Amino acid sequence: MFDAQMAPLLRSILDKVCGTTSGDQSAIRAHVASKLFASAARGEISVEGLRDVALKALSNIPTMWR
């Protein structure tokens, strides 16, 4: 479980990265969120590092979700 400061940070990054996407929003957000949460659970806590993880996840979404 994440602390009280990490949860809003993850949501903010998720919202910013996925905010301008088109396609199946729920699937895209779920995919990016899962990558963000996994990275944070492994110890990545920097805003830049988490943003990079989210952007990479976004660039690797399945074509059918776009």
C-alpha atoms as a PDB file:
ATOM      1  CA  MET A   1       0.000   0.000   0.000  1.00  0.00           C
ATOM      2  CA  PHE A   2       1.202   3.497  -0.766  1.00  0.00           C
ATOM      3  CA  ASP A   3       1.486   6.263   1.784  1.00  0.00           C
ATOM      4  CA  ALA A   4      -0.754   9.322   1.853  1.00  0.00           C
ATOM      5  CA  GLN A   5       1.618  11.333  -0.352  1.00  0.00           C
ATOM      6  CA  MET A   6       2.248   8.699  -3.012  1.00  0.00           C
ATOM      7  CA  ALA A   7      -1.381   8.020  -3.978  1.00  0.00           C
ATOM      8  CA  PRO A   8      -2.147  11.626  -5.063  1.00  0.00           C
ATOM      9  CA  LEU A   9       1.172  11.787  -6.923  1.00  0.00           C
ATOM     10  CA  LEU A  10       0.384   8.623  -8.870  1.00  0.00           C
ATOM     11  CA  ARG A  11      -3.115   9.876  -9.692  1.00  0.00           C
ATOM     12  CA  SER A  12      -1.748  13.233 -10.837  1.00  0.00           C
ATOM     13  CA  ILE A  13       0.784  11.594 -13.148  1.00  0.00           C
ATOM     14  CA  LEU A  14      -1.873   9.223 -14.490  1.00  0.00           C
ATOM     15  CA  ASP A  15      -4.269  12.115 -15.151  1.00  0.00           C
ATOM     16  CA  LYS A  16      -1.632  14.217 -16.898  1.00  0.00           C
ATOM     17  CA  VAL A  17      -0.315  11.416 -19.082  1.00  0.00           C
ATOM     18  CA  CYS A  18      -3.706   9.986 -20.035  1.00  0.00           C
ATOM     19  CA  GLY A  19      -5.588  13.278 -20.148  1.00  0.00           C
ATOM     20  CA  THR A  20      -5.185  13.875 -23.857  1.00  0.00           C
ATOM     21  CA  THR A  21      -5.498  10.329 -25.135  1.00  0.00           C
ATOM     22  CA  SER A  22      -8.302   9.121 -27.307  1.00  0.00           C
ATOM     23  CA  GLY A  23      -9.651   5.628 -27.592  1.00  0.00           C
ATOM     24  CA  ASP A  24     -10.709   3.270 -24.814  1.00  0.00           C
ATOM     25  CA  GLN A  25      -9.953   5.511 -21.830  1.00  0.00           C
ATOM     26  CA  SER A  26     -10.677   2.918 -19.155  1.00  0.00           C
ATOM     27  CA  ALA A  27      -8.388   0.318 -20.728  1.00  0.00           C
ATOM     28  CA  ILE A  28      -5.630   2.833 -21.382  1.00  0.00           C
ATOM     29  CA  ARG A  29      -5.791   4.232 -17.842  1.00  0.00           C
ATOM     30  CA  ALA A  30      -5.815   0.736 -16.351  1.00  0.00           C
ATOM     31  CA  HIS A  31      -2.743  -0.244 -18.369  1.00  0.00           C
ATOM     32  CA  VAL A  32      -0.785   2.888 -17.474  1.00  0.00           C
ATOM     33  CA  ALA A  33      -1.879   2.707 -13.822  1.00  0.00           C
ATOM     34  CA  SER A  34      -0.723  -0.890 -13.509  1.00  0.00           C
ATOM     35  CA  LYS A  35       2.737   0.061 -14.811  1.00  0.00           C
ATOM     36  CA  LEU A  36       2.873   3.086 -12.496  1.00  0.00           C
ATOM     37  CA  PHE A  37       1.855   1.070  -9.428  1.00  0.00           C
ATOM     38  CA  ALA A  38       4.335  -1.710 -10.213  1.00  0.00           C
ATOM     39  CA  SER A  39       7.161   0.784 -10.608  1.00  0.00           C
ATOM     40  CA  ALA A  40       6.258   2.591  -7.384  1.00  0.00           C
ATOM     41  CA  ALA A  41       6.056  -0.734  -5.545  1.00  0.00           C
ATOM     42  CA  ARG A  42       9.607  -1.480  -6.715  1.00  0.00           C
ATOM     43  CA  GLY A  43      10.754   1.798  -5.169  1.00  0.00           C
ATOM     44  CA  GLU A  44      10.557   4.402  -7.922  1.00  0.00           C
ATOM     45  CA  ILE A  45       9.378   7.555  -6.175  1.00  0.00           C
ATOM     46  CA  SER A  46      10.687  10.425  -8.279  1.00  0.00           C
ATOM     47  CA  VAL A  47       8.172  12.395 -10.292  1.00  0.00           C
ATOM     48  CA  GLU A  48      10.388  12.243 -13.368  1.00  0.00           C
ATOM     49  CA  GLY A  49      10.922   8.504 -13.102  1.00  0.00           C
ATOM     50  CA  LEU A  50       7.235   7.783 -12.614  1.00  0.00           C
ATOM     51  CA  ARG A  51       6.291  10.107 -15.474  1.00  0.00           C
ATOM     52  CA  ASP A  52       8.746   8.287 -17.740  1.00  0.00           C
ATOM     53  CA  VAL A  53       7.207   4.953 -16.758  1.00  0.00           C
ATOM     54  CA  ALA A  54       3.730   6.275 -17.540  1.00  0.00           C
ATOM     55  CA  LEU A  55       4.775   7.720 -20.889  1.00  0.00           C
ATOM     56  CA  LYS A  56       6.486   4.466 -21.862  1.00  0.00           C
ATOM     57  CA  ALA A  57       3.375   2.504 -20.877  1.00  0.00           C
ATOM     58  CA  LEU A  58       1.232   4.875 -22.918  1.00  0.00           C
ATOM     59  CA  SER A  59       3.439   4.451 -25.964  1.00  0.00           C
ATOM     60  CA  ASN A  60       3.149   0.659 -25.654  1.00  0.00           C
ATOM     61  CA  ILE A  61      -0.637   0.342 -25.437  1.00  0.00           C
ATOM     62  CA  PRO A  62      -2.240  -2.229 -27.719  1.00  0.00           C
ATOM     63  CA  THR A  63      -3.379  -0.834 -31.044  1.00  0.00           C
ATOM     64  CA  MET A  64      -6.992  -1.907 -30.482  1.00  0.00           C
ATOM     65  CA  TRP A  65      -7.258   0.562 -27.549  1.00  0.00           C
ATOM     66  CA  ARG A  66      -6.259   3.575 -29.632  1.00  0.00           C
END
